[in-house]
């Protein structure tokens, strides 16, 4: 068993996890569910059903606990990597076209 952390989508604070994130695990800081789409490595707002895992069942409520067996804790602190990339690209584009 390896020790790692899950960063909560809501408060961005880490919760230590010994082996896997259980279906009923909650954030130690804000009490939000941890086994949710928004905390998953496969969560992507731009993907079909907002999930990059093609075999996963559709989950309507992305911020509520679910029973998806493809869940992998995201390694990003508090937000999805695709969203971070989008924000970075937008900032770079604005800087490029900014009038001096």
PDB file of N, CA and C in Angstrom:
ATOM      1  N   UNK A   1       0.829  -1.185   0.000  1.00  0.00           N
ATOM      2  CA  UNK A   1       0.000   0.000   0.000  1.00  0.00           C
ATOM      3  C   UNK A   1       0.875   1.252   0.000  1.00  0.00           C
ATOM      4  N   UNK A   2       0.503   2.200  -0.817  1.00  0.00           N
ATOM      5  CA  UNK A   2       1.278   3.425  -0.885  1.00  0.00           C
ATOM      6  C   UNK A   2       0.469   4.594  -0.327  1.00  0.00           C
ATOM      7  N   UNK A   3       1.158   5.497   0.338  1.00  0.00           N
ATOM      8  CA  UNK A   3       0.516   6.694   0.857  1.00  0.00           C
ATOM      9  C   UNK A   3       0.548   7.774  -0.210  1.00  0.00           C
ATOM     10  N   UNK A   4      -0.583   8.409  -0.443  1.00  0.00           N
ATOM     11  CA  UNK A   4      -0.635   9.529  -1.357  1.00  0.00           C
ATOM     12  C   UNK A   4      -1.742  10.468  -0.909  1.00  0.00           C
ATOM     13  N   UNK A   5      -1.935  11.543  -1.650  1.00  0.00           N
ATOM     14  CA  UNK A   5      -2.920  12.538  -1.279  1.00  0.00           C
ATOM     15  C   UNK A   5      -3.931  12.725  -2.404  1.00  0.00           C
ATOM     16  N   UNK A   6      -5.127  13.129  -2.017  1.00  0.00           N
ATOM     17  CA  UNK A   6      -6.155  13.529  -2.964  1.00  0.00           C
ATOM     18  C   UNK A   6      -6.459  14.982  -2.661  1.00  0.00           C
ATOM     19  N   UNK A   7      -6.409  15.817  -3.695  1.00  0.00           N
ATOM     20  CA  UNK A   7      -6.722  17.220  -3.515  1.00  0.00           C
ATOM     21  C   UNK A   7      -8.202  17.446  -3.799  1.00  0.00           C
ATOM     22  N   UNK A   8      -8.886  18.038  -2.861  1.00  0.00           N
ATOM     23  CA  UNK A   8     -10.324  18.284  -2.974  1.00  0.00           C
ATOM     24  C   UNK A   8     -10.620  19.297  -4.072  1.00  0.00           C
ATOM     25  N   UNK A   9     -11.618  19.007  -4.908  1.00  0.00           N
ATOM     26  CA  UNK A   9     -12.005  19.923  -5.984  1.00  0.00           C
ATOM     27  C   UNK A   9     -12.583  21.217  -5.419  1.00  0.00           C
ATOM     28  N   UNK A  10     -13.152  21.157  -4.227  1.00  0.00           N
ATOM     29  CA  UNK A  10     -13.847  22.302  -3.647  1.00  0.00           C
ATOM     30  C   UNK A  10     -12.906  23.257  -2.913  1.00  0.00           C
ATOM     31  N   UNK A  11     -12.082  22.720  -1.993  1.00  0.00           N
ATOM     32  CA  UNK A  11     -11.232  23.586  -1.170  1.00  0.00           C
ATOM     33  C   UNK A  11      -9.755  23.521  -1.558  1.00  0.00           C
ATOM     34  N   UNK A  12      -9.386  22.616  -2.466  1.00  0.00           N
ATOM     35  CA  UNK A  12      -8.007  22.446  -2.960  1.00  0.00           C
ATOM     36  C   UNK A  12      -7.019  21.958  -1.911  1.00  0.00           C
ATOM     37  N   UNK A  13      -7.507  21.502  -0.770  1.00  0.00           N
ATOM     38  CA  UNK A  13      -6.616  21.014   0.282  1.00  0.00           C
ATOM     39  C   UNK A  13      -6.439  19.500   0.165  1.00  0.00           C
ATOM     40  N   UNK A  14      -5.256  18.994   0.564  1.00  0.00           N
ATOM     41  CA  UNK A  14      -4.991  17.561   0.439  1.00  0.00           C
ATOM     42  C   UNK A  14      -5.591  16.735   1.579  1.00  0.00           C
ATOM     43  N   UNK A  15      -6.022  15.535   1.236  1.00  0.00           N
ATOM     44  CA  UNK A  15      -6.463  14.540   2.202  1.00  0.00           C
ATOM     45  C   UNK A  15      -5.617  13.300   1.960  1.00  0.00           C
ATOM     46  N   UNK A  16      -4.926  12.807   2.983  1.00  0.00           N
ATOM     47  CA  UNK A  16      -4.095  11.615   2.793  1.00  0.00           C
ATOM     48  C   UNK A  16      -4.945  10.367   2.574  1.00  0.00           C
ATOM     49  N   UNK A  17      -4.511   9.535   1.639  1.00  0.00           N
ATOM     50  CA  UNK A  17      -5.192   8.280   1.318  1.00  0.00           C
ATOM     51  C   UNK A  17      -4.157   7.170   1.410  1.00  0.00           C
ATOM     52  N   UNK A  18      -4.486   6.094   2.119  1.00  0.00           N
ATOM     53  CA  UNK A  18      -3.538   5.000   2.316  1.00  0.00           C
ATOM     54  C   UNK A  18      -3.460   4.111   1.082  1.00  0.00           C
ATOM     55  N   UNK A  19      -4.589   3.677   0.532  1.00  0.00           N
ATOM     56  CA  UNK A  19      -4.537   2.795  -0.635  1.00  0.00           C
ATOM     57  C   UNK A  19      -5.389   3.321  -1.786  1.00  0.00           C
ATOM     58  N   UNK A  20      -6.697   3.372  -1.600  1.00  0.00           N
ATOM     59  CA  UNK A  20      -7.594   3.865  -2.647  1.00  0.00           C
ATOM     60  C   UNK A  20      -8.604   4.825  -2.038  1.00  0.00           C
ATOM     61  N   UNK A  21      -9.261   5.596  -2.881  1.00  0.00           N
ATOM     62  CA  UNK A  21     -10.317   6.497  -2.422  1.00  0.00           C
ATOM     63  C   UNK A  21     -11.606   5.690  -2.390  1.00  0.00           C
ATOM     64  N   UNK A  22     -12.187   5.579  -1.224  1.00  0.00           N
ATOM     65  CA  UNK A  22     -13.438   4.840  -1.072  1.00  0.00           C
ATOM     66  C   UNK A  22     -14.629   5.630  -1.570  1.00  0.00           C
ATOM     67  N   UNK A  23     -15.716   4.934  -1.845  1.00  0.00           N
ATOM     68  CA  UNK A  23     -16.928   5.577  -2.355  1.00  0.00           C
ATOM     69  C   UNK A  23     -17.509   6.585  -1.365  1.00  0.00           C
ATOM     70  N   UNK A  24     -17.232   6.407  -0.089  1.00  0.00           N
ATOM     71  CA  UNK A  24     -17.795   7.288   0.936  1.00  0.00           C
ATOM     72  C   UNK A  24     -16.761   8.203   1.602  1.00  0.00           C
ATOM     73  N   UNK A  25     -15.541   8.221   1.115  1.00  0.00           N
ATOM     74  CA  UNK A  25     -14.506   9.069   1.712  1.00  0.00           C
ATOM     75  C   UNK A  25     -14.839  10.545   1.513  1.00  0.00           C
ATOM     76  N   UNK A  26     -14.496  11.338   2.524  1.00  0.00           N
ATOM     77  CA  UNK A  26     -14.768  12.778   2.491  1.00  0.00           C
ATOM     78  C   UNK A  26     -13.495  13.573   2.743  1.00  0.00           C
ATOM     79  N   UNK A  27     -13.478  14.802   2.281  1.00  0.00           N
ATOM     80  CA  UNK A  27     -12.374  15.721   2.523  1.00  0.00           C
ATOM     81  C   UNK A  27     -12.305  16.015   4.023  1.00  0.00           C
ATOM     82  N   UNK A  28     -11.118  15.937   4.568  1.00  0.00           N
ATOM     83  CA  UNK A  28     -10.935  16.218   5.999  1.00  0.00           C
ATOM     84  C   UNK A  28     -11.180  17.680   6.339  1.00  0.00           C
ATOM     85  N   UNK A  29     -11.082  18.562   5.359  1.00  0.00           N
ATOM     86  CA  UNK A  29     -11.151  20.000   5.608  1.00  0.00           C
ATOM     87  C   UNK A  29     -12.551  20.588   5.403  1.00  0.00           C
ATOM     88  N   UNK A  30     -13.245  20.176   4.355  1.00  0.00           N
ATOM     89  CA  UNK A  30     -14.553  20.787   4.065  1.00  0.00           C
ATOM     90  C   UNK A  30     -15.712  19.791   4.062  1.00  0.00           C
ATOM     91  N   UNK A  31     -15.410  18.496   4.142  1.00  0.00           N
ATOM     92  CA  UNK A  31     -16.469  17.486   4.217  1.00  0.00           C
ATOM     93  C   UNK A  31     -17.060  17.067   2.889  1.00  0.00           C
ATOM     94  N   UNK A  32     -16.547  17.582   1.772  1.00  0.00           N
ATOM     95  CA  UNK A  32     -17.062  17.193   0.453  1.00  0.00           C
ATOM     96  C   UNK A  32     -16.640  15.756   0.127  1.00  0.00           C
ATOM     97  N   UNK A  33     -17.436  15.087  -0.705  1.00  0.00           N
ATOM     98  CA  UNK A  33     -17.097  13.736  -1.157  1.00  0.00           C
ATOM     99  C   UNK A  33     -15.791  13.786  -1.958  1.00  0.00           C
ATOM    100  N   UNK A  34     -14.982  12.736  -1.857  1.00  0.00           N
ATOM    101  CA  UNK A  34     -13.729  12.674  -2.608  1.00  0.00           C
ATOM    102  C   UNK A  34     -13.833  11.819  -3.868  1.00  0.00           C
ATOM    103  N   UNK A  35     -14.685  10.791  -3.838  1.00  0.00           N
ATOM    104  CA  UNK A  35     -14.826   9.891  -5.000  1.00  0.00           C
ATOM    105  C   UNK A  35     -15.831  10.507  -5.971  1.00  0.00           C
ATOM    106  N   UNK A  36     -15.427  11.642  -6.569  1.00  0.00           N
ATOM    107  CA  UNK A  36     -16.289  12.387  -7.485  1.00  0.00           C
ATOM    108  C   UNK A  36     -15.539  12.642  -8.785  1.00  0.00           C
ATOM    109  N   UNK A  37     -16.275  12.887  -9.839  1.00  0.00           N
ATOM    110  CA  UNK A  37     -15.666  13.123 -11.150  1.00  0.00           C
ATOM    111  C   UNK A  37     -14.644  14.258 -11.123  1.00  0.00           C
ATOM    112  N   UNK A  38     -14.952  15.334 -10.432  1.00  0.00           N
ATOM    113  CA  UNK A  38     -14.070  16.501 -10.439  1.00  0.00           C
ATOM    114  C   UNK A  38     -12.750  16.249  -9.721  1.00  0.00           C
ATOM    115  N   UNK A  39     -12.628  15.143  -8.994  1.00  0.00           N
ATOM    116  CA  UNK A  39     -11.358  14.775  -8.357  1.00  0.00           C
ATOM    117  C   UNK A  39     -10.646  13.679  -9.138  1.00  0.00           C
ATOM    118  N   UNK A  40     -11.160  13.312 -10.287  1.00  0.00           N
ATOM    119  CA  UNK A  40     -10.629  12.191 -11.056  1.00  0.00           C
ATOM    120  C   UNK A  40      -9.664  12.659 -12.149  1.00  0.00           C
ATOM    121  N   UNK A  41      -8.659  11.844 -12.383  1.00  0.00           N
ATOM    122  CA  UNK A  41      -7.669  12.110 -13.427  1.00  0.00           C
ATOM    123  C   UNK A  41      -8.318  12.160 -14.816  1.00  0.00           C
ATOM    124  N   UNK A  42      -9.416  11.446 -15.012  1.00  0.00           N
ATOM    125  CA  UNK A  42     -10.074  11.386 -16.320  1.00  0.00           C
ATOM    126  C   UNK A  42     -11.069  12.522 -16.558  1.00  0.00           C
ATOM    127  N   UNK A  43     -11.355  13.313 -15.544  1.00  0.00           N
ATOM    128  CA  UNK A  43     -12.313  14.414 -15.697  1.00  0.00           C
ATOM    129  C   UNK A  43     -11.756  15.459 -16.653  1.00  0.00           C
ATOM    130  N   UNK A  44     -12.562  15.814 -17.648  1.00  0.00           N
ATOM    131  CA  UNK A  44     -12.162  16.805 -18.647  1.00  0.00           C
ATOM    132  C   UNK A  44     -13.428  17.458 -19.188  1.00  0.00           C
ATOM    133  N   UNK A  45     -13.604  18.734 -18.923  1.00  0.00           N
ATOM    134  CA  UNK A  45     -14.816  19.434 -19.352  1.00  0.00           C
ATOM    135  C   UNK A  45     -15.002  19.427 -20.863  1.00  0.00           C
ATOM    136  N   UNK A  46     -13.930  19.260 -21.615  1.00  0.00           N
ATOM    137  CA  UNK A  46     -14.029  19.311 -23.069  1.00  0.00           C
ATOM    138  C   UNK A  46     -14.299  17.942 -23.698  1.00  0.00           C
ATOM    139  N   UNK A  47     -14.235  16.876 -22.918  1.00  0.00           N
ATOM    140  CA  UNK A  47     -14.432  15.522 -23.437  1.00  0.00           C
ATOM    141  C   UNK A  47     -15.919  15.140 -23.435  1.00  0.00           C
ATOM    142  N   UNK A  48     -16.247  14.126 -24.224  1.00  0.00           N
ATOM    143  CA  UNK A  48     -17.601  13.590 -24.246  1.00  0.00           C
ATOM    144  C   UNK A  48     -17.972  13.125 -22.838  1.00  0.00           C
ATOM    145  N   UNK A  49     -19.126  13.533 -22.337  1.00  0.00           N
ATOM    146  CA  UNK A  49     -19.585  13.244 -20.973  1.00  0.00           C
ATOM    147  C   UNK A  49     -18.612  13.763 -19.910  1.00  0.00           C
ATOM    148  N   UNK A  50     -17.737  14.667 -20.305  1.00  0.00           N
ATOM    149  CA  UNK A  50     -16.729  15.265 -19.420  1.00  0.00           C
ATOM    150  C   UNK A  50     -15.796  14.223 -18.802  1.00  0.00           C
ATOM    151  N   UNK A  51     -15.526  13.162 -19.562  1.00  0.00           N
ATOM    152  CA  UNK A  51     -14.664  12.080 -19.081  1.00  0.00           C
ATOM    153  C   UNK A  51     -13.825  11.534 -20.235  1.00  0.00           C
ATOM    154  N   UNK A  52     -12.504  11.395 -19.995  1.00  0.00           N
ATOM    155  CA  UNK A  52     -11.610  10.858 -21.026  1.00  0.00           C
ATOM    156  C   UNK A  52     -11.557   9.335 -21.015  1.00  0.00           C
ATOM    157  N   UNK A  53     -12.207   8.681 -20.046  1.00  0.00           N
ATOM    158  CA  UNK A  53     -12.248   7.215 -20.002  1.00  0.00           C
ATOM    159  C   UNK A  53     -13.438   6.757 -20.847  1.00  0.00           C
ATOM    160  N   UNK A  54     -13.198   6.165 -22.012  1.00  0.00           N
ATOM    161  CA  UNK A  54     -14.293   5.813 -22.928  1.00  0.00           C
ATOM    162  C   UNK A  54     -15.232   4.726 -22.415  1.00  0.00           C
ATOM    163  N   UNK A  55     -14.790   3.894 -21.494  1.00  0.00           N
ATOM    164  CA  UNK A  55     -15.637   2.799 -21.002  1.00  0.00           C
ATOM    165  C   UNK A  55     -16.472   3.179 -19.781  1.00  0.00           C
ATOM    166  N   UNK A  56     -16.237   4.345 -19.217  1.00  0.00           N
ATOM    167  CA  UNK A  56     -16.957   4.750 -18.003  1.00  0.00           C
ATOM    168  C   UNK A  56     -18.418   5.073 -18.312  1.00  0.00           C
ATOM    169  N   UNK A  57     -19.283   4.720 -17.367  1.00  0.00           N
ATOM    170  CA  UNK A  57     -20.691   5.077 -17.481  1.00  0.00           C
ATOM    171  C   UNK A  57     -20.848   6.577 -17.279  1.00  0.00           C
ATOM    172  N   UNK A  58     -21.921   7.140 -17.832  1.00  0.00           N
ATOM    173  CA  UNK A  58     -22.178   8.570 -17.695  1.00  0.00           C
ATOM    174  C   UNK A  58     -22.573   8.882 -16.255  1.00  0.00           C
ATOM    175  N   UNK A  59     -21.984   9.942 -15.720  1.00  0.00           N
ATOM    176  CA  UNK A  59     -22.325  10.431 -14.383  1.00  0.00           C
ATOM    177  C   UNK A  59     -22.815  11.858 -14.548  1.00  0.00           C
ATOM    178  N   UNK A  60     -24.053  12.114 -14.131  1.00  0.00           N
ATOM    179  CA  UNK A  60     -24.623  13.445 -14.308  1.00  0.00           C
ATOM    180  C   UNK A  60     -24.086  14.456 -13.310  1.00  0.00           C
ATOM    181  N   UNK A  61     -23.998  14.080 -12.049  1.00  0.00           N
ATOM    182  CA  UNK A  61     -23.579  15.010 -11.005  1.00  0.00           C
ATOM    183  C   UNK A  61     -22.090  14.827 -10.724  1.00  0.00           C
ATOM    184  N   UNK A  62     -21.285  15.713 -11.274  1.00  0.00           N
ATOM    185  CA  UNK A  62     -19.822  15.593 -11.227  1.00  0.00           C
ATOM    186  C   UNK A  62     -19.230  15.923  -9.863  1.00  0.00           C
ATOM    187  N   UNK A  63     -20.010  16.534  -8.968  1.00  0.00           N
ATOM    188  CA  UNK A  63     -19.511  16.921  -7.647  1.00  0.00           C
ATOM    189  C   UNK A  63     -20.067  16.040  -6.532  1.00  0.00           C
ATOM    190  N   UNK A  64     -20.743  14.957  -6.872  1.00  0.00           N
ATOM    191  CA  UNK A  64     -21.322  14.049  -5.874  1.00  0.00           C
ATOM    192  C   UNK A  64     -20.657  12.688  -5.978  1.00  0.00           C
ATOM    193  N   UNK A  65     -20.608  11.981  -4.848  1.00  0.00           N
ATOM    194  CA  UNK A  65     -19.988  10.655  -4.818  1.00  0.00           C
ATOM    195  C   UNK A  65     -20.663   9.741  -5.837  1.00  0.00           C
ATOM    196  N   UNK A  66     -19.857   8.885  -6.481  1.00  0.00           N
ATOM    197  CA  UNK A  66     -20.384   7.942  -7.455  1.00  0.00           C
ATOM    198  C   UNK A  66     -19.638   6.620  -7.330  1.00  0.00           C
ATOM    199  N   UNK A  67     -20.091   5.633  -8.076  1.00  0.00           N
ATOM    200  CA  UNK A  67     -19.516   4.300  -7.990  1.00  0.00           C
ATOM    201  C   UNK A  67     -18.678   3.938  -9.220  1.00  0.00           C
ATOM    202  N   UNK A  68     -18.136   4.928  -9.898  1.00  0.00           N
ATOM    203  CA  UNK A  68     -17.320   4.677 -11.088  1.00  0.00           C
ATOM    204  C   UNK A  68     -16.073   3.881 -10.694  1.00  0.00           C
ATOM    205  N   UNK A  69     -15.884   2.752 -11.354  1.00  0.00           N
ATOM    206  CA  UNK A  69     -14.746   1.892 -11.050  1.00  0.00           C
ATOM    207  C   UNK A  69     -13.471   2.329 -11.766  1.00  0.00           C
ATOM    208  N   UNK A  70     -13.569   3.328 -12.640  1.00  0.00           N
ATOM    209  CA  UNK A  70     -12.396   3.838 -13.350  1.00  0.00           C
ATOM    210  C   UNK A  70     -11.757   5.027 -12.628  1.00  0.00           C
ATOM    211  N   UNK A  71     -12.314   5.414 -11.496  1.00  0.00           N
ATOM    212  CA  UNK A  71     -11.829   6.580 -10.757  1.00  0.00           C
ATOM    213  C   UNK A  71     -10.343   6.463 -10.430  1.00  0.00           C
ATOM    214  N   UNK A  72      -9.589   7.507 -10.799  1.00  0.00           N
ATOM    215  CA  UNK A  72      -8.173   7.638 -10.467  1.00  0.00           C
ATOM    216  C   UNK A  72      -7.995   9.029  -9.859  1.00  0.00           C
ATOM    217  N   UNK A  73      -7.482   9.132  -8.639  1.00  0.00           N
ATOM    218  CA  UNK A  73      -7.331  10.450  -8.026  1.00  0.00           C
ATOM    219  C   UNK A  73      -6.457  11.367  -8.877  1.00  0.00           C
ATOM    220  N   UNK A  74      -6.920  12.562  -9.091  1.00  0.00           N
ATOM    221  CA  UNK A  74      -6.161  13.539  -9.862  1.00  0.00           C
ATOM    222  C   UNK A  74      -4.924  13.960  -9.098  1.00  0.00           C
ATOM    223  N   UNK A  75      -3.841  14.188  -9.804  1.00  0.00           N
ATOM    224  CA  UNK A  75      -2.596  14.631  -9.193  1.00  0.00           C
ATOM    225  C   UNK A  75      -2.504  16.155  -9.183  1.00  0.00           C
ATOM    226  N   UNK A  76      -3.539  16.828  -9.677  1.00  0.00           N
ATOM    227  CA  UNK A  76      -3.574  18.287  -9.707  1.00  0.00           C
ATOM    228  C   UNK A  76      -4.145  18.820  -8.409  1.00  0.00           C
ATOM    229  N   UNK A  77      -3.632  19.914  -7.955  1.00  0.00           N
ATOM    230  CA  UNK A  77      -4.107  20.540  -6.731  1.00  0.00           C
ATOM    231  C   UNK A  77      -5.328  21.394  -7.000  1.00  0.00           C
ATOM    232  N   UNK A  78      -6.490  20.871  -6.668  1.00  0.00           N
ATOM    233  CA  UNK A  78      -7.705  21.663  -6.683  1.00  0.00           C
ATOM    234  C   UNK A  78      -8.413  21.868  -8.003  1.00  0.00           C
ATOM    235  N   UNK A  79      -7.808  21.541  -9.114  1.00  0.00           N
ATOM    236  CA  UNK A  79      -8.505  21.701 -10.380  1.00  0.00           C
ATOM    237  C   UNK A  79      -7.963  20.733 -11.405  1.00  0.00           C
ATOM    238  N   UNK A  80      -8.683  20.617 -12.455  1.00  0.00           N
ATOM    239  CA  UNK A  80      -8.337  19.700 -13.535  1.00  0.00           C
ATOM    240  C   UNK A  80      -7.185  20.248 -14.373  1.00  0.00           C
ATOM    241  N   UNK A  81      -6.300  19.391 -14.826  1.00  0.00           N
ATOM    242  CA  UNK A  81      -5.160  19.798 -15.633  1.00  0.00           C
ATOM    243  C   UNK A  81      -5.565  20.459 -16.937  1.00  0.00           C
ATOM    244  N   UNK A  82      -6.651  19.986 -17.557  1.00  0.00           N
ATOM    245  CA  UNK A  82      -7.114  20.587 -18.805  1.00  0.00           C
ATOM    246  C   UNK A  82      -7.570  22.025 -18.572  1.00  0.00           C
ATOM    247  N   UNK A  83      -8.215  22.265 -17.442  1.00  0.00           N
ATOM    248  CA  UNK A  83      -8.658  23.618 -17.116  1.00  0.00           C
ATOM    249  C   UNK A  83      -7.460  24.524 -16.870  1.00  0.00           C
ATOM    250  N   UNK A  84      -6.444  24.021 -16.169  1.00  0.00           N
ATOM    251  CA  UNK A  84      -5.230  24.793 -15.937  1.00  0.00           C
ATOM    252  C   UNK A  84      -4.552  25.145 -17.261  1.00  0.00           C
ATOM    253  N   UNK A  85      -4.489  24.179 -18.174  1.00  0.00           N
ATOM    254  CA  UNK A  85      -3.883  24.392 -19.480  1.00  0.00           C
ATOM    255  C   UNK A  85      -4.651  25.451 -20.259  1.00  0.00           C
ATOM    256  N   UNK A  86      -5.960  25.392 -20.204  1.00  0.00           N
ATOM    257  CA  UNK A  86      -6.817  26.353 -20.906  1.00  0.00           C
ATOM    258  C   UNK A  86      -6.550  27.761 -20.388  1.00  0.00           C
ATOM    259  N   UNK A  87      -6.491  27.919 -19.066  1.00  0.00           N
ATOM    260  CA  UNK A  87      -6.249  29.228 -18.463  1.00  0.00           C
ATOM    261  C   UNK A  87      -4.878  29.762 -18.849  1.00  0.00           C
ATOM    262  N   UNK A  88      -3.878  28.882 -18.880  1.00  0.00           N
ATOM    263  CA  UNK A  88      -2.528  29.290 -19.242  1.00  0.00           C
ATOM    264  C   UNK A  88      -2.479  29.764 -20.694  1.00  0.00           C
ATOM    265  N   UNK A  89      -3.109  29.018 -21.588  1.00  0.00           N
ATOM    266  CA  UNK A  89      -3.135  29.401 -22.997  1.00  0.00           C
ATOM    267  C   UNK A  89      -3.864  30.728 -23.201  1.00  0.00           C
ATOM    268  N   UNK A  90      -4.960  30.914 -22.500  1.00  0.00           N
ATOM    269  CA  UNK A  90      -5.720  32.158 -22.610  1.00  0.00           C
ATOM    270  C   UNK A  90      -4.882  33.348 -22.138  1.00  0.00           C
ATOM    271  N   UNK A  91      -4.183  33.174 -21.037  1.00  0.00           N
ATOM    272  CA  UNK A  91      -3.330  34.245 -20.514  1.00  0.00           C
ATOM    273  C   UNK A  91      -2.204  34.573 -21.501  1.00  0.00           C
ATOM    274  N   UNK A  92      -1.616  33.554 -22.109  1.00  0.00           N
ATOM    275  CA  UNK A  92      -0.552  33.774 -23.090  1.00  0.00           C
ATOM    276  C   UNK A  92      -1.074  34.508 -24.320  1.00  0.00           C
ATOM    277  N   UNK A  93      -2.265  34.141 -24.779  1.00  0.00           N
ATOM    278  CA  UNK A  93      -2.857  34.804 -25.942  1.00  0.00           C
ATOM    279  C   UNK A  93      -3.171  36.261 -25.642  1.00  0.00           C
ATOM    280  N   UNK A  94      -3.702  36.531 -24.459  1.00  0.00           N
ATOM    281  CA  UNK A  94      -3.994  37.911 -24.075  1.00  0.00           C
ATOM    282  C   UNK A  94      -2.725  38.742 -23.988  1.00  0.00           C
ATOM    283  N   UNK A  95      -1.648  38.157 -23.460  1.00  0.00           N
ATOM    284  CA  UNK A  95      -0.372  38.857 -23.364  1.00  0.00           C
ATOM    285  C   UNK A  95       0.200  39.140 -24.750  1.00  0.00           C
ATOM    286  N   UNK A  96       0.020  38.213 -25.670  1.00  0.00           N
ATOM    287  CA  UNK A  96       0.536  38.362 -27.024  1.00  0.00           C
ATOM    288  C   UNK A  96      -0.125  39.528 -27.762  1.00  0.00           C
ATOM    289  N   UNK A  97      -1.431  39.671 -27.580  1.00  0.00           N
ATOM    290  CA  UNK A  97      -2.178  40.692 -28.310  1.00  0.00           C
ATOM    291  C   UNK A  97      -2.429  41.967 -27.512  1.00  0.00           C
ATOM    292  N   UNK A  98      -1.835  42.062 -26.336  1.00  0.00           N
ATOM    293  CA  UNK A  98      -2.019  43.225 -25.493  1.00  0.00           C
ATOM    294  C   UNK A  98      -1.307  44.431 -26.111  1.00  0.00           C
ATOM    295  N   UNK A  99      -2.016  45.549 -26.170  1.00  0.00           N
ATOM    296  CA  UNK A  99      -1.432  46.779 -26.723  1.00  0.00           C
ATOM    297  C   UNK A  99      -0.515  47.417 -25.677  1.00  0.00           C
ATOM    298  N   UNK A 100       0.589  47.923 -26.167  1.00  0.00           N
ATOM    299  CA  UNK A 100       1.575  48.560 -25.272  1.00  0.00           C
ATOM    300  C   UNK A 100       1.486  50.040 -25.315  1.00  0.00           C
TER     301      UNK A 100
END
